[in-house]
PDB file of all heavy atoms in Angstrom:
ATOM      1  N   VAL A   1     250.203 129.314 163.302  1.00  0.00           N
ATOM      2  CA  VAL A   1     250.986 130.529 163.124  1.00  0.00           C
ATOM      3  C   VAL A   1     250.727 131.321 161.910  1.00  0.00           C
ATOM      4  O   VAL A   1     250.506 132.529 161.821  1.00  0.00           O
ATOM      5  CB  VAL A   1     252.412 130.325 163.232  1.00  0.00           C
ATOM      6  CG1 VAL A   1     253.397 131.596 163.168  1.00  0.00           C
ATOM      7  CG2 VAL A   1     252.790 129.568 164.675  1.00  0.00           C
ATOM      8  N   ASN A   2     250.772 130.641 160.755  1.00  0.00           N
ATOM      9  CA  ASN A   2     250.458 131.241 159.374  1.00  0.00           C
ATOM     10  C   ASN A   2     249.844 130.211 158.623  1.00  0.00           C
ATOM     11  O   ASN A   2     250.430 129.396 157.949  1.00  0.00           O
ATOM     12  CB  ASN A   2     251.730 131.599 158.828  1.00  0.00           C
ATOM     13  CG  ASN A   2     251.564 132.325 157.503  1.00  0.00           C
ATOM     14  OD1 ASN A   2     250.390 132.358 157.078  1.00  0.00           O
ATOM     15  ND2 ASN A   2     252.585 132.863 156.940  1.00  0.00           N
ATOM     16  N   PRO A   3     248.482 130.182 158.505  1.00  0.00           N
ATOM     17  CA  PRO A   3     247.714 129.197 157.726  1.00  0.00           C
ATOM     18  C   PRO A   3     247.976 129.225 156.221  1.00  0.00           C
ATOM     19  O   PRO A   3     247.705 128.373 155.502  1.00  0.00           O
ATOM     20  CB  PRO A   3     246.313 129.492 158.122  1.00  0.00           C
ATOM     21  CG  PRO A   3     246.289 130.934 158.538  1.00  0.00           C
ATOM     22  CD  PRO A   3     247.548 131.172 159.255  1.00  0.00           C
ATOM     23  N   ASP A   4     248.497 130.399 155.783  1.00  0.00           N
ATOM     24  CA  ASP A   4     248.669 130.659 154.343  1.00  0.00           C
ATOM     25  C   ASP A   4     250.291 130.347 153.976  1.00  0.00           C
ATOM     26  O   ASP A   4     250.656 130.750 152.891  1.00  0.00           O
ATOM     27  CB  ASP A   4     248.401 132.060 153.876  1.00  0.00           C
ATOM     28  CG  ASP A   4     246.906 132.319 154.119  1.00  0.00           C
ATOM     29  OD1 ASP A   4     246.152 131.420 153.845  1.00  0.00           O
ATOM     30  OD2 ASP A   4     246.584 133.433 154.621  1.00  0.00           O
ATOM     31  N   ALA A   5     251.003 129.719 154.878  1.00  0.00           N
ATOM     32  CA  ALA A   5     252.470 129.621 154.545  1.00  0.00           C
ATOM     33  C   ALA A   5     252.733 128.672 153.381  1.00  0.00           C
ATOM     34  O   ALA A   5     251.997 127.623 153.224  1.00  0.00           O
ATOM     35  CB  ALA A   5     253.153 129.073 155.729  1.00  0.00           C
ATOM     36  N   VAL A   6     253.667 128.913 152.619  1.00  0.00           N
ATOM     37  CA  VAL A   6     254.173 128.223 151.599  1.00  0.00           C
ATOM     38  C   VAL A   6     255.030 126.961 152.035  1.00  0.00           C
ATOM     39  O   VAL A   6     255.890 127.380 152.853  1.00  0.00           O
ATOM     40  CB  VAL A   6     254.935 128.910 150.460  1.00  0.00           C
ATOM     41  CG1 VAL A   6     255.477 128.012 149.353  1.00  0.00           C
ATOM     42  CG2 VAL A   6     254.087 130.010 149.871  1.00  0.00           C
ATOM     43  N   ILE A   7     254.541 125.800 151.796  1.00  0.00           N
ATOM     44  CA  ILE A   7     255.251 124.684 152.403  1.00  0.00           C
ATOM     45  C   ILE A   7     256.178 123.975 151.349  1.00  0.00           C
ATOM     46  O   ILE A   7     255.547 123.442 150.285  1.00  0.00           O
ATOM     47  CB  ILE A   7     254.280 123.617 152.909  1.00  0.00           C
ATOM     48  CG1 ILE A   7     253.262 124.272 153.830  1.00  0.00           C
ATOM     49  CG2 ILE A   7     255.014 122.502 153.687  1.00  0.00           C
ATOM     50  CD1 ILE A   7     253.909 124.988 155.014  1.00  0.00           C
ATOM     51  N   LEU A   8     257.511 123.820 151.547  1.00  0.00           N
ATOM     52  CA  LEU A   8     258.448 123.239 150.671  1.00  0.00           C
ATOM     53  C   LEU A   8     259.010 122.009 151.353  1.00  0.00           C
ATOM     54  O   LEU A   8     259.358 122.126 152.632  1.00  0.00           O
ATOM     55  CB  LEU A   8     259.473 124.200 150.324  1.00  0.00           C
ATOM     56  CG  LEU A   8     259.163 125.428 149.381  1.00  0.00           C
ATOM     57  CD1 LEU A   8     260.396 126.193 148.979  1.00  0.00           C
ATOM     58  CD2 LEU A   8     258.333 125.040 148.193  1.00  0.00           C
ATOM     59  N   LEU A   9     259.070 120.808 150.607  1.00  0.00           N
ATOM     60  CA  LEU A   9     259.548 119.751 151.378  1.00  0.00           C
ATOM     61  C   LEU A   9     261.033 119.617 150.814  1.00  0.00           C
ATOM     62  O   LEU A   9     261.276 119.425 149.561  1.00  0.00           O
ATOM     63  CB  LEU A   9     258.757 118.484 150.850  1.00  0.00           C
ATOM     64  CG  LEU A   9     259.327 117.127 151.290  1.00  0.00           C
ATOM     65  CD1 LEU A   9     258.956 116.890 152.764  1.00  0.00           C
ATOM     66  CD2 LEU A   9     258.563 115.883 150.558  1.00  0.00           C
ATOM     67  N   GLU A  10     261.975 119.722 151.753  1.00  0.00           N
ATOM     68  CA  GLU A  10     263.385 119.545 151.342  1.00  0.00           C
ATOM     69  C   GLU A  10     263.713 118.091 151.455  1.00  0.00           C
ATOM     70  O   GLU A  10     263.710 117.504 152.432  1.00  0.00           O
ATOM     71  CB  GLU A  10     264.229 120.391 152.372  1.00  0.00           C
ATOM     72  CG  GLU A  10     265.724 120.227 151.935  1.00  0.00           C
ATOM     73  CD  GLU A  10     266.554 121.022 153.050  1.00  0.00           C
ATOM     74  OE1 GLU A  10     266.912 120.249 154.095  1.00  0.00           O
ATOM     75  OE2 GLU A  10     267.025 122.109 152.842  1.00  0.00           O
ATOM     76  N   THR A  11     264.117 117.639 150.220  1.00  0.00           N
ATOM     77  CA  THR A  11     264.398 116.302 150.134  1.00  0.00           C
ATOM     78  C   THR A  11     265.410 115.961 148.859  1.00  0.00           C
ATOM     79  O   THR A  11     265.943 116.911 148.346  1.00  0.00           O
ATOM     80  CB  THR A  11     263.122 115.341 149.875  1.00  0.00           C
ATOM     81  OG1 THR A  11     263.469 113.988 149.978  1.00  0.00           O
ATOM     82  CG2 THR A  11     262.402 115.720 148.523  1.00  0.00           C
ATOM     83  N   SER A  12     265.612 114.775 148.655  1.00  0.00           N
ATOM     84  CA  SER A  12     266.557 114.424 147.473  1.00  0.00           C
ATOM     85  C   SER A  12     265.784 113.649 146.415  1.00  0.00           C
ATOM     86  O   SER A  12     264.701 112.963 146.701  1.00  0.00           O
ATOM     87  CB  SER A  12     267.713 113.535 148.070  1.00  0.00           C
ATOM     88  OG  SER A  12     267.256 112.276 148.469  1.00  0.00           O
ATOM     89  N   ILE A  13     266.477 113.527 145.328  1.00  0.00           N
ATOM     90  CA  ILE A  13     265.930 112.719 144.194  1.00  0.00           C
ATOM     91  C   ILE A  13     265.699 111.267 144.549  1.00  0.00           C
ATOM     92  O   ILE A  13     264.879 110.546 144.219  1.00  0.00           O
ATOM     93  CB  ILE A  13     266.587 112.975 142.866  1.00  0.00           C
ATOM     94  CG1 ILE A  13     265.897 112.321 141.710  1.00  0.00           C
ATOM     95  CG2 ILE A  13     268.040 112.401 142.855  1.00  0.00           C
ATOM     96  CD1 ILE A  13     266.415 112.803 140.332  1.00  0.00           C
ATOM     97  N   ASP A  14     266.742 110.830 145.303  1.00  0.00           N
ATOM     98  CA  ASP A  14     266.837 109.411 145.679  1.00  0.00           C
ATOM     99  C   ASP A  14     265.651 109.030 146.587  1.00  0.00           C
ATOM    100  O   ASP A  14     265.051 108.055 146.555  1.00  0.00           O
ATOM    101  CB  ASP A  14     268.262 109.023 146.348  1.00  0.00           C
ATOM    102  CG  ASP A  14     269.383 108.927 145.306  1.00  0.00           C
ATOM    103  OD1 ASP A  14     268.982 108.672 144.240  1.00  0.00           O
ATOM    104  OD2 ASP A  14     270.509 109.220 145.752  1.00  0.00           O
ATOM    105  N   ALA A  15     265.492 110.043 147.587  1.00  0.00           N
ATOM    106  CA  ALA A  15     264.278 109.877 148.472  1.00  0.00           C
ATOM    107  C   ALA A  15     262.984 109.785 147.690  1.00  0.00           C
ATOM    108  O   ALA A  15     262.013 108.986 148.130  1.00  0.00           O
ATOM    109  CB  ALA A  15     264.344 110.909 149.548  1.00  0.00           C
ATOM    110  N   LEU A  16     262.786 110.657 146.789  1.00  0.00           N
ATOM    111  CA  LEU A  16     261.615 110.659 145.930  1.00  0.00           C
ATOM    112  C   LEU A  16     261.360 109.320 145.176  1.00  0.00           C
ATOM    113  O   LEU A  16     260.307 108.850 145.148  1.00  0.00           O
ATOM    114  CB  LEU A  16     261.614 111.855 144.978  1.00  0.00           C
ATOM    115  CG  LEU A  16     261.600 113.219 145.546  1.00  0.00           C
ATOM    116  CD1 LEU A  16     261.819 114.227 144.468  1.00  0.00           C
ATOM    117  CD2 LEU A  16     260.266 113.474 146.267  1.00  0.00           C
ATOM    118  N   ARG A  17     262.466 108.899 144.755  1.00  0.00           N
ATOM    119  CA  ARG A  17     262.410 107.560 144.031  1.00  0.00           C
ATOM    120  C   ARG A  17     262.057 106.445 144.890  1.00  0.00           C
ATOM    121  O   ARG A  17     261.238 105.532 144.573  1.00  0.00           O
ATOM    122  CB  ARG A  17     263.844 107.393 143.351  1.00  0.00           C
ATOM    123  CG  ARG A  17     263.870 106.183 142.396  1.00  0.00           C
ATOM    124  CD  ARG A  17     265.248 105.878 141.880  1.00  0.00           C
ATOM    125  NE  ARG A  17     265.736 106.930 140.913  1.00  0.00           N
ATOM    126  CZ  ARG A  17     266.759 107.684 141.128  1.00  0.00           C
ATOM    127  NH1 ARG A  17     267.372 107.671 142.302  1.00  0.00           N
ATOM    128  NH2 ARG A  17     267.023 108.564 140.290  1.00  0.00           N
ATOM    129  N   ARG A  18     262.570 106.410 146.100  1.00  0.00           N
ATOM    130  CA  ARG A  18     262.453 105.215 146.975  1.00  0.00           C
ATOM    131  C   ARG A  18     261.006 105.268 147.687  1.00  0.00           C
ATOM    132  O   ARG A  18     260.508 104.258 148.038  1.00  0.00           O
ATOM    133  CB  ARG A  18     263.437 105.186 148.039  1.00  0.00           C
ATOM    134  CG  ARG A  18     264.864 104.889 147.579  1.00  0.00           C
ATOM    135  CD  ARG A  18     265.721 104.559 148.765  1.00  0.00           C
ATOM    136  NE  ARG A  18     265.732 105.491 149.882  1.00  0.00           N
ATOM    137  CZ  ARG A  18     266.598 106.468 149.959  1.00  0.00           C
ATOM    138  NH1 ARG A  18     267.424 106.759 149.051  1.00  0.00           N
ATOM    139  NH2 ARG A  18     266.510 107.243 150.989  1.00  0.00           N
ATOM    140  N   HIS A  19     260.471 106.401 147.834  1.00  0.00           N
ATOM    141  CA  HIS A  19     259.278 106.601 148.718  1.00  0.00           C
ATOM    142  C   HIS A  19     258.132 107.187 147.750  1.00  0.00           C
ATOM    143  O   HIS A  19     257.472 108.235 148.220  1.00  0.00           O
ATOM    144  CB  HIS A  19     259.508 107.463 149.835  1.00  0.00           C
ATOM    145  CG  HIS A  19     260.600 106.942 150.719  1.00  0.00           C
ATOM    146  ND1 HIS A  19     260.532 105.883 151.452  1.00  0.00           N
ATOM    147  CD2 HIS A  19     261.954 107.440 150.922  1.00  0.00           C
ATOM    148  CE1 HIS A  19     261.618 105.654 152.119  1.00  0.00           C
ATOM    149  NE2 HIS A  19     262.517 106.612 151.884  1.00  0.00           N
ATOM    150  N   SER A  20     257.843 106.584 146.658  1.00  0.00           N
ATOM    151  CA  SER A  20     256.754 107.256 145.842  1.00  0.00           C
ATOM    152  C   SER A  20     255.484 107.221 146.398  1.00  0.00           C
ATOM    153  O   SER A  20     254.740 108.116 146.206  1.00  0.00           O
ATOM    154  CB  SER A  20     256.840 106.373 144.458  1.00  0.00           C
ATOM    155  OG  SER A  20     256.672 105.075 144.792  1.00  0.00           O
ATOM    156  N   LYS A  21     255.091 106.157 147.072  1.00  0.00           N
ATOM    157  CA  LYS A  21     253.749 106.096 147.710  1.00  0.00           C
ATOM    158  C   LYS A  21     253.639 107.168 148.853  1.00  0.00           C
ATOM    159  O   LYS A  21     252.567 107.806 148.886  1.00  0.00           O
ATOM    160  CB  LYS A  21     253.541 104.713 148.327  1.00  0.00           C
ATOM    161  CG  LYS A  21     253.292 103.615 147.242  1.00  0.00           C
ATOM    162  CD  LYS A  21     253.060 102.231 147.991  1.00  0.00           C
ATOM    163  CE  LYS A  21     252.869 101.217 146.925  1.00  0.00           C
ATOM    164  NZ  LYS A  21     252.565  99.902 147.477  1.00  0.00           N
ATOM    165  N   GLU A  22     254.733 107.342 149.559  1.00  0.00           N
ATOM    166  CA  GLU A  22     254.651 108.351 150.570  1.00  0.00           C
ATOM    167  C   GLU A  22     254.449 109.813 149.954  1.00  0.00           C
ATOM    168  O   GLU A  22     253.704 110.653 150.507  1.00  0.00           O
ATOM    169  CB  GLU A  22     255.852 108.324 151.509  1.00  0.00           C
ATOM    170  CG  GLU A  22     255.870 107.233 152.436  1.00  0.00           C
ATOM    171  CD  GLU A  22     256.490 105.925 151.746  1.00  0.00           C
ATOM    172  OE1 GLU A  22     256.672 105.894 150.567  1.00  0.00           O
ATOM    173  OE2 GLU A  22     256.733 104.963 152.475  1.00  0.00           O
ATOM    174  N   VAL A  23     255.251 110.056 148.925  1.00  0.00           N
ATOM    175  CA  VAL A  23     255.199 111.266 148.263  1.00  0.00           C
ATOM    176  C   VAL A  23     253.674 111.594 147.653  1.00  0.00           C
ATOM    177  O   VAL A  23     253.207 112.722 147.741  1.00  0.00           O
ATOM    178  CB  VAL A  23     256.156 111.377 147.079  1.00  0.00           C
ATOM    179  CG1 VAL A  23     255.951 112.632 146.210  1.00  0.00           C
ATOM    180  CG2 VAL A  23     257.635 111.261 147.561  1.00  0.00           C
ATOM    181  N   GLU A  24     253.231 110.605 147.199  1.00  0.00           N
ATOM    182  CA  GLU A  24     251.773 110.615 146.679  1.00  0.00           C
ATOM    183  C   GLU A  24     250.816 111.047 147.864  1.00  0.00           C
ATOM    184  O   GLU A  24     249.932 111.969 147.534  1.00  0.00           O
ATOM    185  CB  GLU A  24     251.288 109.333 146.016  1.00  0.00           C
ATOM    186  CG  GLU A  24     249.966 109.419 145.386  1.00  0.00           C
ATOM    187  CD  GLU A  24     249.545 108.228 144.576  1.00  0.00           C
ATOM    188  OE1 GLU A  24     250.425 107.282 144.561  1.00  0.00           O
ATOM    189  OE2 GLU A  24     248.474 108.075 144.109  1.00  0.00           O
ATOM    190  N   SER A  25     251.032 110.485 148.920  1.00  0.00           N
ATOM    191  CA  SER A  25     250.095 110.818 150.041  1.00  0.00           C
ATOM    192  C   SER A  25     250.326 112.145 150.677  1.00  0.00           C
ATOM    193  O   SER A  25     249.466 112.760 151.359  1.00  0.00           O
ATOM    194  CB  SER A  25     250.307 109.856 151.213  1.00  0.00           C
ATOM    195  OG  SER A  25     251.491 109.819 151.787  1.00  0.00           O
ATOM    196  N   MET A  26     251.453 112.775 150.389  1.00  0.00           N
ATOM    197  CA  MET A  26     251.828 114.180 150.956  1.00  0.00           C
ATOM    198  C   MET A  26     251.485 115.286 149.948  1.00  0.00           C
ATOM    199  O   MET A  26     251.403 116.423 150.268  1.00  0.00           O
ATOM    200  CB  MET A  26     253.421 114.203 151.044  1.00  0.00           C
ATOM    201  CG  MET A  26     253.928 113.430 152.216  1.00  0.00           C
ATOM    202  SD  MET A  26     255.717 113.753 152.090  1.00  0.00           S
ATOM    203  CE  MET A  26     256.218 112.629 153.487  1.00  0.00           C
ATOM    204  N   ARG A  27     251.063 114.854 148.742  1.00  0.00           N
ATOM    205  CA  ARG A  27     250.937 115.857 147.613  1.00  0.00           C
ATOM    206  C   ARG A  27     249.985 116.951 148.037  1.00  0.00           C
ATOM    207  O   ARG A  27     250.168 118.143 147.594  1.00  0.00           O
ATOM    208  CB  ARG A  27     250.447 115.191 146.317  1.00  0.00           C
ATOM    209  CG  ARG A  27     250.815 115.817 145.072  1.00  0.00           C
ATOM    210  CD  ARG A  27     250.740 114.883 143.886  1.00  0.00           C
ATOM    211  NE  ARG A  27     251.784 113.851 143.988  1.00  0.00           N
ATOM    212  CZ  ARG A  27     251.579 112.653 143.544  1.00  0.00           C
ATOM    213  NH1 ARG A  27     250.368 112.258 143.141  1.00  0.00           N
ATOM    214  NH2 ARG A  27     252.536 111.712 143.532  1.00  0.00           N
ATOM    215  N   ASP A  28     248.848 116.790 148.807  1.00  0.00           N
ATOM    216  CA  ASP A  28     247.864 117.793 149.051  1.00  0.00           C
ATOM    217  C   ASP A  28     248.295 118.710 150.162  1.00  0.00           C
ATOM    218  O   ASP A  28     247.724 119.594 150.396  1.00  0.00           O
ATOM    219  CB  ASP A  28     246.553 117.099 149.434  1.00  0.00           C
ATOM    220  CG  ASP A  28     245.949 116.334 148.183  1.00  0.00           C
ATOM    221  OD1 ASP A  28     246.214 116.608 147.097  1.00  0.00           O
ATOM    222  OD2 ASP A  28     245.111 115.433 148.437  1.00  0.00           O
ATOM    223  N   SER A  29     249.425 118.252 150.832  1.00  0.00           N
ATOM    224  CA  SER A  29     249.867 118.990 152.011  1.00  0.00           C
ATOM    225  C   SER A  29     251.044 119.978 151.725  1.00  0.00           C
ATOM    226  O   SER A  29     251.356 120.827 152.476  1.00  0.00           O
ATOM    227  CB  SER A  29     250.186 118.022 153.188  1.00  0.00           C
ATOM    228  OG  SER A  29     249.197 117.174 153.534  1.00  0.00           O
ATOM    229  N   ILE A  30     251.678 119.916 150.602  1.00  0.00           N
ATOM    230  CA  ILE A  30     252.836 120.713 150.264  1.00  0.00           C
ATOM    231  C   ILE A  30     252.806 121.315 148.950  1.00  0.00           C
ATOM    232  O   ILE A  30     251.956 120.987 148.089  1.00  0.00           O
ATOM    233  CB  ILE A  30     254.154 119.889 150.348  1.00  0.00           C
ATOM    234  CG1 ILE A  30     254.077 118.723 149.315  1.00  0.00           C
ATOM    235  CG2 ILE A  30     254.474 119.369 151.659  1.00  0.00           C
ATOM    236  CD1 ILE A  30     255.255 117.724 149.346  1.00  0.00           C
ATOM    237  N   ASP A  31     253.450 122.454 148.781  1.00  0.00           N
ATOM    238  CA  ASP A  31     253.301 123.257 147.633  1.00  0.00           C
ATOM    239  C   ASP A  31     254.570 123.075 146.641  1.00  0.00           C
ATOM    240  O   ASP A  31     254.425 123.524 145.489  1.00  0.00           O
ATOM    241  CB  ASP A  31     253.440 124.791 148.085  1.00  0.00           C
ATOM    242  CG  ASP A  31     252.224 125.143 148.948  1.00  0.00           C
ATOM    243  OD1 ASP A  31     251.074 125.088 148.390  1.00  0.00           O
ATOM    244  OD2 ASP A  31     252.465 125.528 150.053  1.00  0.00           O
ATOM    245  N   GLY A  32     255.469 122.367 147.111  1.00  0.00           N
ATOM    246  CA  GLY A  32     256.631 122.073 146.214  1.00  0.00           C
ATOM    247  C   GLY A  32     257.804 121.325 146.861  1.00  0.00           C
ATOM    248  O   GLY A  32     257.838 121.131 148.076  1.00  0.00           O
TER     249      GLY A  32
END
């Protein structure tokens, strides 16, 4: 639909803390 869309991952600091490896693998796919 929009290849230039800004992608934000809505999450929590606890989820970021628990899933550090998953966050690293997502880094190239999201803008913030």
